[in-house]
């Protein structure tokens, strides 16, 4: 979050080889990078606590789960995490000690003590449709994303690659499959401005639901590509949506789009996310809902002050950013 004058800003950035914090004290005109904590494998997802500003967690694919208690200056590997894989992480909004992590093969683990001990949400794997979950080659299905409904801390969404969207209404005690979408899920997005609306990014295009996932609509009108990696709606207006697409899983011919009408149509953003440098991370500033950041596969970070209509590159040198591993943190 920013200070009262909007001068101080901070992002936590996960890369292919490490994680660090970057800061600005002059409203984003200049940025400095903190020390980089090396990672044995690329960062996958980052989350920070609204209730305890210095706390955050990182899921690092084949390197497990990490925790920071100093605002991203340093990170500690949580060696008790019971899997070698960590594809996604979700943090309770008021209790920084309560977290959920999505793993491979597709499973969800929960901790009540900040990752010192873990329990599996057993009923997740018991979903009848789980027998059909799969992935390519020798890899197994995995929980690519975890989200919490903005108006209900017990309502969780999990996106399975490949297996569809699963949800729980009792904090992970029981789970049910949601139907009506492409099964290759890359990201789930919910926004406080419209708690019943859910967007998802899939290999077959973006989808929208207005009834908490009960029914879905493919919202690809105007998109030139179908492989959707990331989708994110503004926190104060669910009709303002950003999406990043490419031709295939190889991320060829990437494009970045914006919608102002709830994904009914899309406008191409030509200044960001093209020329084979795909936008792989998007996060909105909770202190200023007009401000949004986008990170690219090539290591560039862009900022928009007008909800994605215009963009400006952040002048800082980064190594390659990993998929979706960027989050706005308290400065």
Protein backbone atom coordinates (compact mmCIF):
# COMPACT_ATOMS: atom_id res chain seq x y z
CA UNK A 1 0.00 0.00 0.00
CA UNK A 2 1.08 3.60 -0.52
CA UNK A 3 1.51 6.36 2.03
CA UNK A 4 -0.98 9.19 2.34
CA UNK A 5 0.78 11.24 -0.32
CA UNK A 6 1.14 8.33 -2.69
CA UNK A 7 4.95 8.58 -2.72
CA UNK A 8 5.98 5.21 -1.28
CA UNK A 9 5.35 2.06 -3.27
CA UNK A 10 6.58 -1.52 -3.04
CA UNK A 11 6.25 -4.66 -5.12
CA UNK A 12 7.33 -8.18 -4.28
CA UNK A 13 8.61 -9.88 -7.41
CA UNK A 14 9.22 -13.59 -7.94
CA UNK A 15 11.62 -14.53 -10.71
CA UNK A 16 12.99 -17.71 -12.23
CA UNK A 17 15.97 -17.61 -9.90
CA UNK A 18 14.86 -15.67 -6.84
CA UNK A 19 12.47 -13.32 -5.07
CA UNK A 20 12.96 -9.71 -3.94
CA UNK A 21 11.25 -6.44 -3.09
CA UNK A 22 11.46 -3.30 -5.23
CA UNK A 23 10.62 0.14 -3.84
CA UNK A 24 9.92 3.70 -4.85
CA UNK A 25 9.86 6.72 -2.52
CA UNK A 26 9.04 9.29 -5.18
CA UNK A 27 5.69 8.13 -6.52
CA UNK A 28 7.15 5.64 -8.98
CA UNK A 29 9.64 7.92 -10.76
CA UNK A 30 12.59 5.83 -9.60
CA UNK A 31 12.87 2.35 -8.08
CA UNK A 32 15.46 0.41 -6.08
CA UNK A 33 15.76 -3.33 -5.67
CA UNK A 34 16.37 -5.09 -2.38
CA UNK A 35 18.46 -8.20 -1.86
CA UNK A 36 17.44 -11.27 -3.84
CA UNK A 37 16.69 -14.51 -2.01
CA UNK A 38 17.77 -17.32 -4.37
CA UNK A 39 15.21 -19.97 -5.30
CA UNK A 40 16.01 -23.50 -6.42
CA UNK A 41 13.09 -23.29 -8.85
CA UNK A 42 11.00 -20.53 -10.40
CA UNK A 43 8.48 -18.58 -8.36
CA UNK A 44 4.84 -19.45 -9.08
CA UNK A 45 2.59 -17.35 -6.82
CA UNK A 46 3.04 -14.62 -4.20
CA UNK A 47 0.62 -13.37 -1.57
CA UNK A 48 0.80 -10.76 1.19
CA UNK A 49 -1.31 -10.20 4.27
CA UNK A 50 -3.75 -7.27 4.50
CA UNK A 51 -3.73 -7.72 8.28
CA UNK A 52 0.01 -8.09 8.93
CA UNK A 53 1.83 -5.97 6.37
CA UNK A 54 5.24 -7.59 6.78
CA UNK A 55 4.00 -11.14 6.26
CA UNK A 56 3.87 -12.89 2.90
CA UNK A 57 4.20 -16.32 1.30
CA UNK A 58 5.67 -17.64 -1.91
CA UNK A 59 4.90 -20.86 -3.78
CA UNK A 60 7.94 -21.92 -5.82
CA UNK A 61 6.92 -24.81 -8.10
CA UNK A 62 9.43 -27.57 -7.29
CA UNK A 63 11.04 -25.67 -4.41
CA UNK A 64 8.19 -25.66 -1.90
CA UNK A 65 6.84 -22.76 0.17
CA UNK A 66 8.66 -19.71 1.57
CA UNK A 67 7.63 -17.11 4.17
CA UNK A 68 8.70 -13.55 4.80
CA UNK A 69 8.11 -11.65 8.04
CA UNK A 70 9.99 -8.49 7.08
CA UNK A 71 8.13 -7.29 4.02
CA UNK A 72 10.11 -9.33 1.51
CA UNK A 73 13.63 -8.43 2.65
CA UNK A 74 14.32 -12.07 3.49
CA UNK A 75 12.53 -15.37 2.90
CA UNK A 76 12.66 -18.66 4.78
CA UNK A 77 11.92 -22.04 3.27
CA UNK A 78 9.15 -23.87 5.18
CA UNK A 79 10.76 -27.28 5.26
CA UNK A 80 7.77 -28.94 6.91
CA UNK A 81 5.66 -28.48 3.77
CA UNK A 82 4.79 -32.10 2.82
CA UNK A 83 5.27 -31.92 -0.96
CA UNK A 84 8.06 -31.07 -3.36
CA UNK A 85 5.59 -29.03 -5.44
CA UNK A 86 3.94 -25.71 -4.63
CA UNK A 87 2.00 -24.17 -7.52
CA UNK A 88 -0.28 -21.74 -5.64
CA UNK A 89 -0.72 -20.13 -2.25
CA UNK A 90 -3.67 -18.42 -0.56
CA UNK A 91 -3.56 -16.37 2.64
CA UNK A 92 -6.43 -15.70 5.03
CA UNK A 93 -7.25 -11.94 4.95
CA UNK A 94 -7.21 -11.42 8.72
CA UNK A 95 -5.00 -14.23 10.03
CA UNK A 96 -1.50 -14.35 8.48
CA UNK A 97 -0.85 -17.73 10.09
CA UNK A 98 -3.62 -19.46 8.13
CA UNK A 99 -2.66 -20.40 4.57
CA UNK A 100 -3.61 -22.84 1.83
CA UNK A 101 -1.17 -24.24 -0.74
CA UNK A 102 -2.00 -26.03 -4.00
CA UNK A 103 0.27 -28.92 -4.90
CA UNK A 104 1.01 -31.68 -7.44
CA UNK A 105 -0.53 -34.19 -7.84
CA UNK A 106 -3.57 -31.97 -7.39
CA UNK A 107 -4.08 -31.51 -3.64
CA UNK A 108 -4.58 -28.69 -1.15
CA UNK A 109 -2.66 -28.41 2.12
CA UNK A 110 -3.59 -26.07 4.96
CA UNK A 111 -1.58 -24.60 7.83
CA UNK A 112 -2.88 -22.81 10.92
CA UNK A 113 0.53 -21.81 12.26
CA UNK A 114 2.25 -19.98 9.45
CA UNK A 115 3.51 -23.09 7.70
CA UNK A 116 5.20 -24.75 10.66
CA UNK A 117 2.80 -27.70 10.38
CA UNK A 118 0.35 -28.85 7.71
CA UNK A 119 -2.78 -30.87 7.14
CA UNK A 120 -4.22 -32.02 3.85
CA UNK A 121 -7.77 -31.10 2.82
CA UNK A 122 -8.52 -34.78 2.25
CA UNK A 123 -11.88 -34.31 0.58
CA UNK A 124 -10.25 -32.36 -2.26
CA UNK A 125 -8.85 -35.52 -3.84
CA UNK A 126 -12.13 -37.29 -3.14
CA UNK A 127 -14.06 -35.16 -5.65
CA UNK A 128 -15.60 -37.74 -8.04
CA UNK A 129 -14.26 -35.94 -11.11
CA UNK A 130 -10.66 -36.18 -9.81
CA UNK A 131 -10.19 -39.48 -11.65
CA UNK A 132 -10.21 -37.47 -14.88
CA UNK A 133 -7.64 -34.87 -13.83
CA UNK A 134 -4.40 -35.09 -15.82
CA UNK A 135 -1.49 -33.22 -17.34
CA UNK A 136 0.98 -33.59 -20.19
CA UNK A 137 3.92 -35.97 -20.40
CA UNK A 138 5.21 -37.32 -17.10
CA UNK A 139 3.76 -34.48 -15.02
CA UNK A 140 0.55 -34.79 -13.03
CA UNK A 141 -2.43 -32.49 -12.57
CA UNK A 142 -1.81 -29.65 -10.12
CA UNK A 143 -3.60 -26.81 -8.35
CA UNK A 144 -2.48 -23.90 -10.51
CA UNK A 145 -4.42 -21.27 -8.54
CA UNK A 146 -6.25 -20.75 -5.23
CA UNK A 147 -8.62 -17.85 -4.46
CA UNK A 148 -10.99 -16.81 -1.68
CA UNK A 149 -14.36 -15.18 -2.28
CA UNK A 150 -14.17 -11.51 -1.21
CA UNK A 151 -17.36 -11.68 0.84
CA UNK A 152 -16.95 -15.15 2.36
CA UNK A 153 -13.72 -16.43 3.91
CA UNK A 154 -15.09 -19.98 3.82
CA UNK A 155 -15.67 -19.93 0.06
CA UNK A 156 -12.54 -21.11 -1.77
CA UNK A 157 -11.85 -21.65 -5.48
CA UNK A 158 -9.16 -23.93 -6.89
CA UNK A 159 -8.11 -24.03 -10.53
CA UNK A 160 -6.76 -27.38 -11.71
CA UNK A 161 -4.34 -27.77 -14.59
CA UNK A 162 -5.86 -29.89 -16.11
CA UNK A 163 -9.15 -30.55 -14.30
CA UNK A 164 -11.41 -27.50 -14.14
CA UNK A 165 -12.54 -25.34 -11.22
CA UNK A 166 -13.26 -26.85 -7.79
CA UNK A 167 -14.80 -24.90 -4.92
CA UNK A 168 -15.42 -25.24 -1.20
CA UNK A 169 -17.98 -23.36 0.89
CA UNK A 170 -16.70 -24.57 4.26
CA UNK A 171 -13.07 -23.52 4.32
CA UNK A 172 -11.77 -26.62 2.58
CA UNK A 173 -13.62 -29.28 4.57
CA UNK A 174 -15.55 -30.38 1.46
CA UNK A 175 -15.19 -29.64 -2.26
CA UNK A 176 -17.32 -29.79 -5.39
CA UNK A 177 -16.47 -29.56 -9.09
CA UNK A 178 -17.87 -26.65 -11.10
CA UNK A 179 -18.79 -27.39 -14.71
CA UNK A 180 -19.07 -25.48 -17.96
CA UNK A 181 -15.51 -24.33 -18.74
CA UNK A 182 -12.39 -25.52 -20.50
CA UNK A 183 -10.63 -27.87 -18.06
CA UNK A 184 -7.12 -26.43 -18.51
CA UNK A 185 -7.20 -23.73 -15.81
CA UNK A 186 -4.39 -21.19 -15.41
CA UNK A 187 -5.88 -18.58 -13.09
CA UNK A 188 -9.02 -17.74 -11.11
CA UNK A 189 -9.93 -14.10 -10.42
CA UNK A 190 -12.48 -12.64 -8.00
CA UNK A 191 -12.96 -8.97 -7.16
CA UNK A 192 -14.51 -7.18 -4.14
CA UNK A 193 -16.63 -4.90 -6.33
CA UNK A 194 -18.77 -7.82 -7.50
CA UNK A 195 -18.38 -10.81 -5.14
CA UNK A 196 -20.50 -13.19 -7.21
CA UNK A 197 -18.47 -12.62 -10.38
CA UNK A 198 -15.59 -14.94 -11.22
CA UNK A 199 -13.22 -14.77 -14.18
CA UNK A 200 -10.93 -17.63 -15.18
CA UNK A 201 -8.05 -17.93 -17.64
CA UNK A 202 -7.96 -21.24 -19.54
CA UNK A 203 -6.16 -22.78 -22.50
CA UNK A 204 -9.39 -22.39 -24.44
CA UNK A 205 -9.99 -18.73 -23.63
CA UNK A 206 -11.29 -16.58 -20.77
CA UNK A 207 -14.59 -17.31 -19.01
CA UNK A 208 -16.92 -15.24 -16.84
CA UNK A 209 -19.45 -16.31 -14.23
CA UNK A 210 -21.94 -14.02 -12.49
CA UNK A 211 -23.24 -16.63 -10.06
CA UNK A 212 -20.11 -17.80 -8.20
CA UNK A 213 -19.29 -20.42 -10.82
CA UNK A 214 -22.75 -21.94 -11.18
CA UNK A 215 -22.75 -21.10 -14.89
CA UNK A 216 -20.09 -19.79 -17.27
CA UNK A 217 -19.78 -17.80 -20.47
CA UNK A 218 -16.79 -17.89 -22.84
CA UNK A 219 -15.80 -14.22 -23.24
CA UNK A 220 -13.39 -14.19 -26.17
CA UNK A 221 -15.14 -11.75 -28.52
CA UNK A 222 -12.38 -9.74 -30.20
CA UNK A 223 -9.42 -11.77 -28.94
CA UNK A 224 -7.07 -12.93 -31.69
CA UNK A 225 -5.52 -15.68 -29.54
CA UNK A 226 -7.16 -18.31 -27.33
CA UNK A 227 -4.47 -19.51 -24.89
CA UNK A 228 -5.19 -17.36 -21.80
CA UNK A 229 -2.55 -17.15 -19.09
CA UNK A 230 -3.76 -14.37 -16.79
CA UNK A 231 -6.97 -12.41 -16.20
CA UNK A 232 -7.60 -9.73 -13.59
CA UNK A 233 -10.48 -7.34 -12.87
CA UNK A 234 -10.12 -3.98 -11.14
CA UNK A 235 -10.87 -4.21 -7.40
CA UNK A 236 -13.41 -1.37 -7.58
CA UNK A 237 -15.00 -2.20 -10.95
CA UNK A 238 -15.49 -5.80 -12.10
CA UNK A 239 -16.23 -4.57 -15.64
CA UNK A 240 -12.65 -3.34 -16.10
CA UNK A 241 -10.61 -6.44 -16.95
CA UNK A 242 -7.09 -7.14 -18.19
CA UNK A 243 -6.19 -10.38 -19.98
CA UNK A 244 -3.04 -11.84 -21.49
CA UNK A 245 -3.22 -14.40 -24.31
CA UNK A 246 -0.97 -16.22 -26.77
CA UNK A 247 -1.23 -18.73 -29.60
CA UNK A 248 -0.32 -21.77 -27.52
CA UNK A 249 1.39 -23.09 -24.39
CA UNK A 250 4.72 -22.03 -25.86
CA UNK A 251 3.56 -18.41 -25.36
CA UNK A 252 4.06 -17.56 -29.01
CA UNK A 253 2.56 -14.35 -30.40
CA UNK A 254 1.49 -12.90 -27.02
CA UNK A 255 -1.07 -10.11 -26.71
CA UNK A 256 -2.42 -7.98 -23.86
CA UNK A 257 -6.03 -6.75 -23.85
CA UNK A 258 -8.31 -4.54 -21.76
CA UNK A 259 -12.08 -4.59 -21.45
CA UNK A 260 -14.30 -1.90 -19.93
CA UNK A 261 -17.57 -3.81 -20.31
CA UNK A 262 -17.09 -6.98 -18.32
CA UNK A 263 -15.23 -8.87 -21.09
CA UNK A 264 -18.05 -8.46 -23.60
CA UNK A 265 -15.41 -6.98 -25.94
CA UNK A 266 -11.67 -6.38 -25.79
CA UNK A 267 -9.26 -3.59 -26.80
CA UNK A 268 -5.67 -4.52 -27.71
CA UNK A 269 -2.93 -2.84 -25.66
CA UNK A 270 -0.14 -2.48 -28.18
CA UNK A 271 2.48 -0.92 -25.91
CA UNK A 272 2.78 -3.88 -23.49
CA UNK A 273 2.85 -7.64 -23.81
CA UNK A 274 3.77 -8.09 -27.45
CA UNK A 275 6.89 -8.90 -29.50
CA UNK A 276 7.21 -12.29 -27.75
CA UNK A 277 7.45 -10.67 -24.29
CA UNK A 278 4.25 -11.94 -22.71
CA UNK A 279 2.61 -10.36 -19.67
CA UNK A 280 2.74 -13.10 -17.04
CA UNK A 281 1.84 -11.19 -13.86
CA UNK A 282 -0.81 -8.56 -13.05
CA UNK A 283 -1.65 -6.98 -9.70
CA UNK A 284 -3.73 -3.97 -8.66
CA UNK A 285 -2.69 -1.57 -5.91
CA UNK A 286 -5.16 -1.95 -3.00
CA UNK A 287 -4.41 1.62 -1.89
CA UNK A 288 -5.21 3.09 -5.30
CA UNK A 289 -7.63 1.05 -7.43
CA UNK A 290 -6.71 3.07 -10.53
CA UNK A 291 -3.12 1.78 -10.34
CA UNK A 292 -2.16 -1.61 -11.75
CA UNK A 293 1.16 -3.30 -12.49
CA UNK A 294 2.07 -5.81 -15.21
CA UNK A 295 5.22 -7.96 -15.33
CA UNK A 296 6.49 -9.59 -18.50
CA UNK A 297 8.33 -12.82 -19.16
CA UNK A 298 11.36 -10.85 -20.30
CA UNK A 299 11.74 -9.11 -16.94
CA UNK A 300 10.05 -5.75 -17.58
CA UNK A 301 7.51 -4.22 -15.20
CA UNK A 302 4.93 -1.67 -16.35
CA UNK A 303 2.60 0.58 -14.37
CA UNK A 304 -0.75 2.13 -15.30
CA UNK A 305 -2.32 4.95 -13.30
CA UNK A 306 -5.61 4.89 -15.23
CA UNK A 307 -6.84 1.31 -14.80
CA UNK A 308 -4.89 -0.09 -17.73
CA UNK A 309 -5.64 2.48 -20.43
CA UNK A 310 -2.05 3.74 -20.67
CA UNK A 311 1.22 2.21 -19.45
CA UNK A 312 4.73 3.29 -18.53
CA UNK A 313 7.74 1.04 -17.96
CA UNK A 314 9.37 0.99 -14.52
CA UNK A 315 13.05 1.89 -14.81
CA UNK A 316 14.63 -1.03 -12.99
CA UNK A 317 16.68 -4.01 -14.10
CA UNK A 318 15.21 -7.40 -13.25
CA UNK A 319 16.01 -10.94 -14.27
CA UNK A 320 13.20 -12.89 -15.88
CA UNK A 321 9.89 -12.78 -13.96
CA UNK A 322 8.20 -16.13 -13.40
CA UNK A 323 4.53 -16.78 -14.05
CA UNK A 324 2.17 -14.62 -11.95
CA UNK A 325 4.70 -14.02 -9.19
CA UNK A 326 4.22 -10.34 -8.46
CA UNK A 327 2.16 -8.62 -5.78
CA UNK A 328 1.71 -5.07 -4.48
CA UNK A 329 2.86 -4.88 -0.85
CA UNK A 330 2.83 -2.33 1.95
CA UNK A 331 5.59 0.22 1.45
